[in-house]
N, C-alpha and C. Protein backbone atom coordinates (compact mmCIF):
# COMPACT_ATOMS: atom_id res chain seq x y z
N MET A 1 96.37 110.47 88.66
CA MET A 1 95.42 109.38 88.46
C MET A 1 95.93 108.47 87.33
N ALA A 2 95.87 107.19 87.57
CA ALA A 2 96.40 106.20 86.62
C ALA A 2 95.53 106.11 85.37
N ILE A 3 96.15 105.73 84.27
CA ILE A 3 95.45 105.47 83.01
C ILE A 3 94.37 104.43 83.28
N GLU A 4 93.21 104.62 82.70
CA GLU A 4 92.08 103.72 82.95
C GLU A 4 91.94 102.65 81.89
N VAL A 5 91.25 101.59 82.26
CA VAL A 5 90.93 100.52 81.32
C VAL A 5 90.14 101.12 80.16
N GLY A 6 90.49 100.71 78.95
CA GLY A 6 89.84 101.21 77.74
C GLY A 6 90.59 102.34 77.07
N ALA A 7 91.54 102.94 77.77
CA ALA A 7 92.33 104.04 77.21
C ALA A 7 93.45 103.47 76.34
N GLU A 8 93.86 104.27 75.37
CA GLU A 8 95.04 103.89 74.58
C GLU A 8 96.27 104.07 75.46
N ALA A 9 97.13 103.06 75.48
CA ALA A 9 98.34 103.11 76.29
C ALA A 9 99.31 104.13 75.70
N PRO A 10 99.80 105.06 76.50
CA PRO A 10 100.79 106.02 75.99
C PRO A 10 102.06 105.31 75.53
N ASP A 11 102.53 105.68 74.36
CA ASP A 11 103.79 105.11 73.87
C ASP A 11 104.94 105.71 74.65
N PHE A 12 106.04 105.02 74.69
CA PHE A 12 107.25 105.52 75.33
C PHE A 12 108.45 104.92 74.61
N GLU A 13 109.59 105.52 74.84
CA GLU A 13 110.87 105.02 74.34
C GLU A 13 111.85 105.10 75.51
N LEU A 14 112.26 103.93 76.01
CA LEU A 14 113.16 103.85 77.16
C LEU A 14 114.31 102.90 76.86
N LYS A 15 115.41 103.10 77.55
CA LYS A 15 116.56 102.19 77.44
C LYS A 15 116.38 101.05 78.45
N ASP A 16 116.78 99.84 78.03
CA ASP A 16 116.72 98.71 78.94
C ASP A 16 118.05 98.54 79.66
N ASN A 17 118.13 97.53 80.49
CA ASN A 17 119.31 97.28 81.31
C ASN A 17 120.54 96.89 80.49
N HIS A 18 120.38 96.72 79.19
CA HIS A 18 121.52 96.44 78.31
C HIS A 18 121.78 97.60 77.34
N GLY A 19 121.08 98.72 77.56
CA GLY A 19 121.28 99.90 76.73
C GLY A 19 120.48 99.91 75.44
N ARG A 20 119.64 98.91 75.23
CA ARG A 20 118.82 98.85 74.01
C ARG A 20 117.58 99.71 74.17
N THR A 21 117.16 100.33 73.08
CA THR A 21 115.95 101.14 73.08
C THR A 21 114.73 100.24 72.93
N VAL A 22 113.75 100.45 73.78
CA VAL A 22 112.50 99.69 73.75
C VAL A 22 111.36 100.69 73.66
N ARG A 23 110.47 100.46 72.71
CA ARG A 23 109.27 101.29 72.54
C ARG A 23 108.05 100.40 72.74
N LEU A 24 107.06 100.90 73.42
CA LEU A 24 105.82 100.14 73.56
C LEU A 24 105.24 99.83 72.19
N SER A 25 105.31 100.79 71.29
CA SER A 25 104.74 100.62 69.94
C SER A 25 105.40 99.50 69.16
N ASP A 26 106.59 99.06 69.56
CA ASP A 26 107.25 97.93 68.89
C ASP A 26 106.45 96.64 69.00
N PHE A 27 105.58 96.55 70.00
CA PHE A 27 104.81 95.33 70.25
C PHE A 27 103.41 95.39 69.67
N ARG A 28 103.01 96.56 69.17
CA ARG A 28 101.65 96.73 68.64
C ARG A 28 101.43 95.78 67.46
N GLY A 29 100.31 95.08 67.50
CA GLY A 29 99.97 94.12 66.46
C GLY A 29 100.69 92.80 66.59
N GLU A 30 101.61 92.70 67.55
CA GLU A 30 102.43 91.50 67.71
C GLU A 30 102.17 90.77 69.03
N LYS A 31 102.20 91.53 70.13
CA LYS A 31 102.11 90.91 71.46
C LYS A 31 101.30 91.77 72.41
N ASN A 32 100.65 91.10 73.36
CA ASN A 32 100.10 91.78 74.52
C ASN A 32 101.29 92.16 75.40
N VAL A 33 101.14 93.20 76.19
CA VAL A 33 102.23 93.65 77.05
C VAL A 33 101.74 93.74 78.50
N VAL A 34 102.52 93.17 79.40
CA VAL A 34 102.34 93.41 80.83
C VAL A 34 103.37 94.46 81.19
N LEU A 35 102.89 95.67 81.46
CA LEU A 35 103.75 96.81 81.78
C LEU A 35 103.69 97.03 83.28
N LEU A 36 104.82 96.80 83.93
CA LEU A 36 104.88 96.83 85.38
C LEU A 36 105.81 97.95 85.82
N PHE A 37 105.28 98.91 86.56
CA PHE A 37 106.09 99.97 87.14
C PHE A 37 106.40 99.59 88.58
N TYR A 38 107.64 99.79 89.00
CA TYR A 38 108.03 99.50 90.38
C TYR A 38 108.97 100.60 90.85
N PRO A 39 109.02 100.85 92.17
CA PRO A 39 109.79 102.00 92.67
C PRO A 39 111.29 101.92 92.39
N PHE A 40 112.00 100.95 92.97
CA PHE A 40 113.44 100.92 92.83
C PHE A 40 113.99 99.50 92.88
N ALA A 41 115.06 99.27 92.16
CA ALA A 41 115.79 98.01 92.22
C ALA A 41 116.39 97.84 93.62
N PHE A 42 116.65 96.60 93.97
CA PHE A 42 117.33 96.22 95.21
C PHE A 42 116.52 96.46 96.48
N THR A 43 115.23 96.77 96.35
CA THR A 43 114.40 96.91 97.54
C THR A 43 113.63 95.62 97.74
N GLY A 44 113.23 95.35 98.95
CA GLY A 44 112.64 94.06 99.30
C GLY A 44 111.40 93.68 98.51
N VAL A 45 110.39 94.53 98.50
CA VAL A 45 109.14 94.20 97.82
C VAL A 45 109.36 94.12 96.31
N CYS A 46 110.12 95.05 95.76
CA CYS A 46 110.40 95.04 94.31
C CYS A 46 111.14 93.77 93.91
N THR A 47 112.17 93.42 94.64
CA THR A 47 112.92 92.22 94.34
C THR A 47 112.02 90.99 94.42
N GLY A 48 111.17 90.94 95.44
CA GLY A 48 110.25 89.81 95.57
C GLY A 48 109.29 89.70 94.40
N GLU A 49 108.73 90.82 93.95
CA GLU A 49 107.81 90.79 92.81
C GLU A 49 108.52 90.35 91.53
N LEU A 50 109.68 90.93 91.27
CA LEU A 50 110.37 90.63 90.02
C LEU A 50 110.93 89.21 89.98
N THR A 51 111.39 88.71 91.11
CA THR A 51 111.89 87.33 91.11
C THR A 51 110.72 86.34 91.01
N ALA A 52 109.56 86.69 91.51
CA ALA A 52 108.38 85.83 91.33
C ALA A 52 108.01 85.77 89.85
N LEU A 53 108.10 86.89 89.15
CA LEU A 53 107.87 86.89 87.70
C LEU A 53 108.93 86.05 87.00
N ARG A 54 110.17 86.19 87.40
CA ARG A 54 111.26 85.39 86.84
C ARG A 54 110.98 83.90 86.99
N ASP A 55 110.49 83.52 88.14
CA ASP A 55 110.26 82.11 88.42
C ASP A 55 109.08 81.53 87.64
N ASP A 56 108.25 82.39 87.07
CA ASP A 56 107.09 81.95 86.29
C ASP A 56 107.10 82.63 84.91
N LEU A 57 108.30 82.88 84.40
CA LEU A 57 108.49 83.74 83.24
C LEU A 57 107.78 83.28 81.97
N ALA A 58 107.68 82.00 81.74
CA ALA A 58 107.05 81.51 80.50
C ALA A 58 105.61 81.97 80.37
N LYS A 59 104.96 82.31 81.45
CA LYS A 59 103.58 82.79 81.39
C LYS A 59 103.51 84.27 81.02
N PHE A 60 104.64 84.97 81.17
CA PHE A 60 104.66 86.42 80.95
C PHE A 60 105.51 86.84 79.76
N VAL A 61 106.35 85.95 79.26
CA VAL A 61 107.16 86.22 78.07
C VAL A 61 107.04 84.99 77.18
N ASN A 62 106.28 85.15 76.09
CA ASN A 62 106.03 84.04 75.17
C ASN A 62 105.60 84.59 73.81
N ASP A 63 105.06 83.76 72.96
CA ASP A 63 104.68 84.20 71.61
C ASP A 63 103.60 85.28 71.62
N ASP A 64 102.78 85.32 72.68
CA ASP A 64 101.66 86.28 72.73
C ASP A 64 101.87 87.44 73.69
N THR A 65 102.84 87.33 74.59
CA THR A 65 102.95 88.31 75.68
C THR A 65 104.40 88.72 75.90
N GLN A 66 104.58 90.00 76.24
CA GLN A 66 105.90 90.51 76.62
C GLN A 66 105.77 91.25 77.94
N LEU A 67 106.63 90.94 78.87
CA LEU A 67 106.72 91.64 80.15
C LEU A 67 107.75 92.75 80.04
N LEU A 68 107.36 93.95 80.47
CA LEU A 68 108.27 95.09 80.53
C LEU A 68 108.19 95.67 81.94
N ALA A 69 109.31 95.74 82.63
CA ALA A 69 109.35 96.27 83.99
C ALA A 69 110.08 97.61 83.98
N VAL A 70 109.46 98.63 84.56
CA VAL A 70 109.98 100.00 84.49
C VAL A 70 110.21 100.55 85.90
N SER A 71 111.40 101.10 86.12
CA SER A 71 111.67 101.82 87.36
C SER A 71 112.37 103.13 87.03
N ASN A 72 112.58 103.94 88.05
CA ASN A 72 113.23 105.22 87.86
C ASN A 72 114.74 105.14 88.12
N ASP A 73 115.27 103.92 88.15
CA ASP A 73 116.71 103.71 88.30
C ASP A 73 117.43 103.96 86.98
N SER A 74 118.74 104.15 87.07
CA SER A 74 119.56 104.29 85.86
C SER A 74 119.73 102.92 85.19
N ILE A 75 120.11 102.92 83.91
CA ILE A 75 120.32 101.64 83.21
C ILE A 75 121.46 100.86 83.86
N HIS A 76 122.43 101.56 84.43
CA HIS A 76 123.57 100.89 85.06
C HIS A 76 123.13 100.13 86.32
N THR A 77 122.30 100.76 87.11
CA THR A 77 121.75 100.10 88.30
C THR A 77 120.92 98.89 87.88
N LEU A 78 120.10 99.07 86.85
CA LEU A 78 119.24 97.97 86.38
C LEU A 78 120.06 96.82 85.81
N ARG A 79 121.19 97.12 85.20
CA ARG A 79 122.05 96.05 84.67
C ARG A 79 122.57 95.16 85.80
N VAL A 80 123.07 95.79 86.86
CA VAL A 80 123.58 95.02 88.00
C VAL A 80 122.44 94.26 88.68
N PHE A 81 121.31 94.91 88.86
CA PHE A 81 120.14 94.27 89.48
C PHE A 81 119.68 93.06 88.66
N GLY A 82 119.54 93.25 87.36
CA GLY A 82 119.11 92.16 86.48
C GLY A 82 120.08 90.99 86.51
N ASP A 83 121.37 91.29 86.47
CA ASP A 83 122.38 90.23 86.52
C ASP A 83 122.35 89.51 87.87
N GLN A 84 122.28 90.26 88.94
CA GLN A 84 122.30 89.67 90.29
C GLN A 84 121.10 88.76 90.52
N GLU A 85 119.94 89.16 90.00
CA GLU A 85 118.71 88.40 90.26
C GLU A 85 118.32 87.48 89.09
N SER A 86 119.17 87.40 88.06
CA SER A 86 118.91 86.57 86.87
C SER A 86 117.57 86.89 86.23
N LEU A 87 117.33 88.17 86.03
CA LEU A 87 116.08 88.63 85.42
C LEU A 87 116.26 88.68 83.91
N GLU A 88 115.56 87.83 83.20
CA GLU A 88 115.73 87.68 81.75
C GLU A 88 114.62 88.36 80.97
N PHE A 89 114.15 89.48 81.44
CA PHE A 89 113.17 90.30 80.73
C PHE A 89 113.63 91.75 80.83
N PRO A 90 113.16 92.61 79.93
CA PRO A 90 113.65 93.99 79.91
C PRO A 90 113.32 94.75 81.19
N LEU A 91 114.35 95.33 81.78
CA LEU A 91 114.21 96.26 82.89
C LEU A 91 114.45 97.64 82.29
N LEU A 92 113.40 98.44 82.21
CA LEU A 92 113.48 99.72 81.52
C LEU A 92 113.72 100.86 82.50
N SER A 93 114.57 101.78 82.08
CA SER A 93 114.95 102.91 82.91
C SER A 93 114.13 104.15 82.55
N ASP A 94 113.34 104.62 83.51
CA ASP A 94 112.58 105.86 83.39
C ASP A 94 113.30 106.96 84.18
N PHE A 95 114.63 106.90 84.09
CA PHE A 95 115.49 107.79 84.87
C PHE A 95 115.53 109.20 84.30
N TRP A 96 115.67 109.29 82.97
CA TRP A 96 115.77 110.62 82.36
C TRP A 96 115.01 110.62 81.05
N LYS A 97 114.17 111.46 80.81
CA LYS A 97 113.75 112.55 81.68
C LYS A 97 113.00 111.93 82.84
N HIS A 98 113.41 112.28 84.02
CA HIS A 98 113.01 111.59 85.25
C HIS A 98 111.50 111.39 85.36
N GLY A 99 111.08 110.12 85.30
CA GLY A 99 109.69 109.77 85.52
C GLY A 99 108.74 110.09 84.39
N GLU A 100 109.25 110.37 83.20
CA GLU A 100 108.37 110.77 82.09
C GLU A 100 107.32 109.69 81.76
N ALA A 101 107.75 108.44 81.64
CA ALA A 101 106.80 107.36 81.34
C ALA A 101 105.88 107.10 82.53
N SER A 102 106.43 107.12 83.73
CA SER A 102 105.62 106.91 84.94
C SER A 102 104.53 107.98 85.04
N ARG A 103 104.89 109.20 84.74
CA ARG A 103 103.90 110.29 84.77
C ARG A 103 102.83 110.09 83.70
N ALA A 104 103.23 109.64 82.50
CA ALA A 104 102.26 109.42 81.42
C ALA A 104 101.21 108.39 81.81
N TYR A 105 101.60 107.43 82.64
CA TYR A 105 100.67 106.39 83.10
C TYR A 105 100.00 106.75 84.43
N GLY A 106 100.36 107.90 84.99
CA GLY A 106 99.73 108.37 86.22
C GLY A 106 100.17 107.63 87.47
N VAL A 107 101.39 107.09 87.46
CA VAL A 107 101.86 106.32 88.62
C VAL A 107 103.15 106.88 89.23
N PHE A 108 103.47 108.13 88.95
CA PHE A 108 104.67 108.74 89.53
C PHE A 108 104.30 109.46 90.81
N ASP A 109 104.99 109.15 91.89
CA ASP A 109 104.79 109.80 93.18
C ASP A 109 105.75 110.98 93.26
N GLU A 110 105.23 112.19 93.11
CA GLU A 110 106.07 113.39 93.08
C GLU A 110 106.83 113.60 94.38
N GLU A 111 106.23 113.28 95.50
CA GLU A 111 106.89 113.48 96.79
C GLU A 111 108.06 112.52 97.00
N LYS A 112 107.90 111.28 96.55
CA LYS A 112 108.94 110.26 96.74
C LYS A 112 109.93 110.23 95.58
N GLY A 113 109.54 110.79 94.43
CA GLY A 113 110.44 110.81 93.27
C GLY A 113 110.57 109.49 92.56
N CYS A 114 109.53 108.65 92.66
CA CYS A 114 109.58 107.34 92.01
C CYS A 114 108.17 106.88 91.64
N ALA A 115 108.12 105.82 90.86
CA ALA A 115 106.83 105.23 90.50
C ALA A 115 106.27 104.44 91.67
N VAL A 116 104.94 104.43 91.78
CA VAL A 116 104.28 103.51 92.70
C VAL A 116 104.13 102.18 91.95
N ARG A 117 103.53 101.20 92.57
CA ARG A 117 103.38 99.87 91.96
C ARG A 117 102.16 99.83 91.05
N GLY A 118 102.36 100.21 89.81
CA GLY A 118 101.27 100.19 88.83
C GLY A 118 101.54 99.14 87.77
N THR A 119 100.52 98.37 87.44
CA THR A 119 100.63 97.37 86.38
C THR A 119 99.50 97.58 85.38
N PHE A 120 99.85 97.48 84.10
CA PHE A 120 98.90 97.67 83.02
C PHE A 120 99.02 96.51 82.05
N VAL A 121 97.92 95.83 81.78
CA VAL A 121 97.89 94.80 80.75
C VAL A 121 97.35 95.47 79.50
N ILE A 122 98.17 95.47 78.46
CA ILE A 122 97.87 96.19 77.22
C ILE A 122 97.72 95.17 76.11
N ASP A 123 96.62 95.26 75.35
CA ASP A 123 96.40 94.28 74.28
C ASP A 123 97.22 94.61 73.04
N LYS A 124 97.14 93.76 72.05
CA LYS A 124 97.95 93.90 70.84
C LYS A 124 97.62 95.16 70.05
N GLU A 125 96.46 95.75 70.30
CA GLU A 125 96.08 96.99 69.62
C GLU A 125 96.53 98.23 70.39
N GLY A 126 97.14 98.02 71.56
CA GLY A 126 97.65 99.14 72.33
C GLY A 126 96.64 99.74 73.30
N VAL A 127 95.61 98.98 73.66
CA VAL A 127 94.58 99.45 74.56
C VAL A 127 94.77 98.81 75.94
N VAL A 128 94.67 99.61 76.98
CA VAL A 128 94.77 99.10 78.35
C VAL A 128 93.52 98.28 78.64
N ARG A 129 93.71 97.01 79.00
CA ARG A 129 92.60 96.10 79.26
C ARG A 129 92.44 95.75 80.73
N TRP A 130 93.46 96.02 81.54
CA TRP A 130 93.40 95.72 82.97
C TRP A 130 94.48 96.53 83.65
N THR A 131 94.21 96.94 84.88
CA THR A 131 95.21 97.70 85.62
C THR A 131 95.03 97.52 87.12
N VAL A 132 96.12 97.66 87.83
CA VAL A 132 96.10 97.71 89.29
C VAL A 132 97.20 98.66 89.72
N VAL A 133 96.91 99.44 90.76
CA VAL A 133 97.90 100.35 91.33
C VAL A 133 97.90 100.14 92.84
N ASN A 134 99.07 99.81 93.36
CA ASN A 134 99.24 99.59 94.79
C ASN A 134 100.20 100.61 95.37
N PRO A 135 100.09 100.88 96.67
CA PRO A 135 101.06 101.77 97.31
C PRO A 135 102.46 101.14 97.30
N LEU A 136 103.45 101.94 97.61
CA LEU A 136 104.84 101.49 97.58
C LEU A 136 105.08 100.24 98.41
N SER A 137 104.45 100.13 99.55
CA SER A 137 104.74 99.04 100.47
C SER A 137 103.95 97.76 100.19
N GLU A 138 103.03 97.78 99.24
CA GLU A 138 102.12 96.65 99.03
C GLU A 138 102.39 95.93 97.71
N ALA A 139 102.82 94.67 97.81
CA ALA A 139 103.09 93.85 96.62
C ALA A 139 101.79 93.56 95.87
N ARG A 140 101.93 93.34 94.57
CA ARG A 140 100.78 92.98 93.73
C ARG A 140 100.63 91.47 93.64
N ASP A 141 99.44 91.02 93.29
CA ASP A 141 99.14 89.60 93.13
C ASP A 141 99.38 89.22 91.68
N LEU A 142 100.46 88.49 91.41
CA LEU A 142 100.80 88.12 90.04
C LEU A 142 99.75 87.23 89.40
N GLY A 143 99.01 86.48 90.20
CA GLY A 143 97.93 85.67 89.68
C GLY A 143 96.86 86.49 88.98
N GLU A 144 96.68 87.71 89.43
CA GLU A 144 95.70 88.61 88.79
C GLU A 144 96.15 88.99 87.38
N TYR A 145 97.47 89.11 87.16
CA TYR A 145 97.98 89.41 85.82
C TYR A 145 97.59 88.28 84.86
N LEU A 146 97.75 87.05 85.34
CA LEU A 146 97.44 85.89 84.49
C LEU A 146 95.96 85.83 84.14
N LYS A 147 95.11 86.16 85.10
CA LYS A 147 93.66 86.20 84.82
C LYS A 147 93.36 87.25 83.75
N ALA A 148 94.01 88.40 83.86
CA ALA A 148 93.79 89.46 82.87
C ALA A 148 94.28 89.06 81.50
N LEU A 149 95.42 88.37 81.44
CA LEU A 149 95.93 87.91 80.14
C LEU A 149 95.02 86.84 79.56
N ASP A 150 94.52 85.95 80.38
CA ASP A 150 93.61 84.90 79.90
C ASP A 150 92.34 85.47 79.32
N ALA A 151 91.93 86.65 79.82
CA ALA A 151 90.70 87.28 79.35
C ALA A 151 90.86 87.96 77.99
N LEU A 152 92.10 88.11 77.52
CA LEU A 152 92.32 88.80 76.22
C LEU A 152 91.99 87.87 75.06
């Protein structure tokens, strides 16, 4: 079961597609975070969602907000994916320990071995203020993320 609205967002420490360490707690008191879990790089729905975010990036990466996208791919896969799709936001690897962050947020599919499509809008105090979880095959509505951010 996914983390609910009003809960404190579990902290994590993951490597991004450039090998840098990123912690959710690094943004506490500084920025709201849109935390987006997706199954795998190079798949149709995932690529479509992430490139849509890329095309509207100023709304998701700015002085008040940081977008963090998490998959169970290795950092090497994410590096190639990010470069190929010109993704200029952190692609975080939840590869090892496999699915640890995805499990903490309740969006890891044990049978498939990957995260489902879970998104969490986390405020500057580290509290989950909005969430949506979709099945693997169903893209999320990015407009809903913007409504949630506007409500903060």
